[in-house]
Amino acid sequence: MFLGYDEELNRLVAIKVPHPDRVPRAEDVEAYLAEGRTVAGLDHPNIVPVYDIGRTEDGACYVVSKFVEGSDLNATISCSRPSPAESARLMTLVADAPLLCSQK
């Protein structure tokens, strides 16, 4: 992930560019961009909004989303593992988000 700045809207953004090994074929790029389109259509406080998706001239794909300050899940759990109860609570929030979004 890269930190970027949207000059048009005067805000920090997160730019996610997958490693080329993760999207070696055109079908993989399309699947990555389709996932970005899907997330962009969701509106829920527990889902980071997607602002833009696209490709660069050299064929790399990217997703631009809201920048959320803090660490990612991997960094958080490597410092201290959540209890089973906290893990279950977090998984419930994640699992419920798409269902809640589709009911709007």
Protein backbone atom coordinates (compact mmCIF):
# COMPACT_ATOMS: atom_id res chain seq x y z
CA MET A 1 0.00 0.00 0.00
CA PHE A 2 1.12 3.53 -0.75
CA LEU A 3 0.03 6.79 0.82
CA GLY A 4 -1.15 9.27 -1.78
CA TYR A 5 -2.71 12.70 -1.92
CA ASP A 6 -5.80 13.54 -3.96
CA GLU A 7 -5.22 17.14 -5.02
CA GLU A 8 -8.71 17.53 -6.49
CA LEU A 9 -10.44 16.61 -3.23
CA ASN A 10 -7.67 17.72 -0.85
CA ARG A 11 -7.32 14.45 1.07
CA LEU A 12 -4.94 11.61 1.82
CA VAL A 13 -5.74 8.30 0.12
CA ALA A 14 -4.44 4.74 0.27
CA ILE A 15 -3.27 3.32 -3.06
CA LYS A 16 -3.17 -0.45 -3.26
CA VAL A 17 -1.14 -2.00 -6.05
CA PRO A 18 -0.93 -5.80 -6.04
CA HIS A 19 2.44 -7.43 -6.55
CA PRO A 20 2.75 -8.53 -10.21
CA ASP A 21 3.02 -12.16 -9.07
CA ARG A 22 -0.54 -11.89 -7.67
CA VAL A 23 -2.02 -10.70 -10.97
CA PRO A 24 0.08 -12.32 -13.71
CA ARG A 25 -2.73 -12.74 -16.26
CA ALA A 26 -5.29 -10.33 -17.70
CA GLU A 27 -8.05 -12.37 -16.01
CA ASP A 28 -6.37 -11.81 -12.63
CA VAL A 29 -6.24 -8.05 -13.23
CA GLU A 30 -9.93 -8.07 -14.15
CA ALA A 31 -10.79 -10.04 -11.00
CA TYR A 32 -8.82 -7.54 -8.86
CA LEU A 33 -10.60 -4.59 -10.46
CA ALA A 34 -13.99 -6.33 -10.17
CA GLU A 35 -13.39 -6.75 -6.45
CA GLY A 36 -12.61 -3.03 -6.23
CA ARG A 37 -15.88 -2.24 -8.05
CA THR A 38 -17.80 -4.47 -5.65
CA VAL A 39 -16.32 -2.81 -2.56
CA ALA A 40 -16.95 0.63 -4.09
CA GLY A 41 -20.65 -0.24 -4.18
CA LEU A 42 -20.80 -0.96 -0.45
CA ASP A 43 -21.62 1.61 2.20
CA HIS A 44 -20.95 0.47 5.76
CA PRO A 45 -18.94 1.96 8.66
CA ASN A 46 -16.83 -1.21 8.93
CA ILE A 47 -15.81 -1.22 5.26
CA VAL A 48 -13.14 1.15 3.94
CA PRO A 49 -14.65 3.07 0.99
CA VAL A 50 -13.09 2.71 -2.45
CA TYR A 51 -12.75 5.97 -4.39
CA ASP A 52 -11.19 4.81 -7.66
CA ILE A 53 -9.77 1.83 -9.54
CA GLY A 54 -7.76 1.61 -12.71
CA ARG A 55 -4.66 0.64 -14.65
CA THR A 56 -1.41 2.39 -15.36
CA GLU A 57 0.10 2.65 -18.83
CA ASP A 58 2.32 -0.35 -18.13
CA GLY A 59 -0.69 -2.52 -17.22
CA ALA A 60 -0.42 -2.47 -13.42
CA CYS A 61 -3.76 -2.20 -11.65
CA TYR A 62 -4.61 -0.24 -8.52
CA VAL A 63 -7.37 0.57 -6.06
CA VAL A 64 -7.60 3.96 -4.35
CA SER A 65 -9.44 4.02 -1.03
CA LYS A 66 -9.91 6.11 2.05
CA PHE A 67 -6.72 6.39 4.09
CA VAL A 68 -7.30 5.01 7.58
CA GLU A 69 -4.53 5.81 10.02
CA GLY A 70 -3.30 2.92 12.12
CA SER A 71 -1.90 -0.52 11.58
CA ASP A 72 -3.25 -3.40 9.55
CA LEU A 73 -4.66 -6.61 11.00
CA ASN A 74 -1.43 -8.54 10.46
CA ALA A 75 0.61 -5.98 12.40
CA THR A 76 -1.99 -5.83 15.16
CA ILE A 77 -2.17 -9.56 15.76
CA SER A 78 1.61 -9.98 15.54
CA CYS A 79 1.92 -7.66 18.58
CA SER A 80 -0.79 -9.33 20.63
CA ARG A 81 -3.28 -11.96 19.65
CA PRO A 82 -6.92 -11.16 20.44
CA SER A 83 -8.79 -13.45 22.79
CA PRO A 84 -11.18 -15.99 21.27
CA ALA A 85 -14.11 -13.80 22.35
CA GLU A 86 -12.59 -10.69 20.70
CA SER A 87 -11.78 -12.70 17.57
CA ALA A 88 -15.39 -13.89 17.37
CA ARG A 89 -16.68 -10.32 17.84
CA LEU A 90 -14.43 -9.00 15.06
CA MET A 91 -15.37 -11.81 12.69
CA THR A 92 -19.06 -11.12 13.35
CA LEU A 93 -18.56 -7.46 12.38
CA VAL A 94 -16.77 -8.45 9.19
CA ALA A 95 -19.28 -11.17 8.28
CA ASP A 96 -22.31 -8.93 8.88
CA ALA A 97 -21.06 -5.94 6.85
CA PRO A 98 -21.96 -7.17 3.32
CA LEU A 99 -25.34 -8.43 4.51
CA LEU A 100 -26.12 -5.07 6.11
CA CYS A 101 -24.99 -3.22 2.98
CA SER A 102 -27.18 -5.27 0.67
CA GLN A 103 -30.26 -4.51 2.78
CA LYS A 104 -30.03 -0.72 2.22
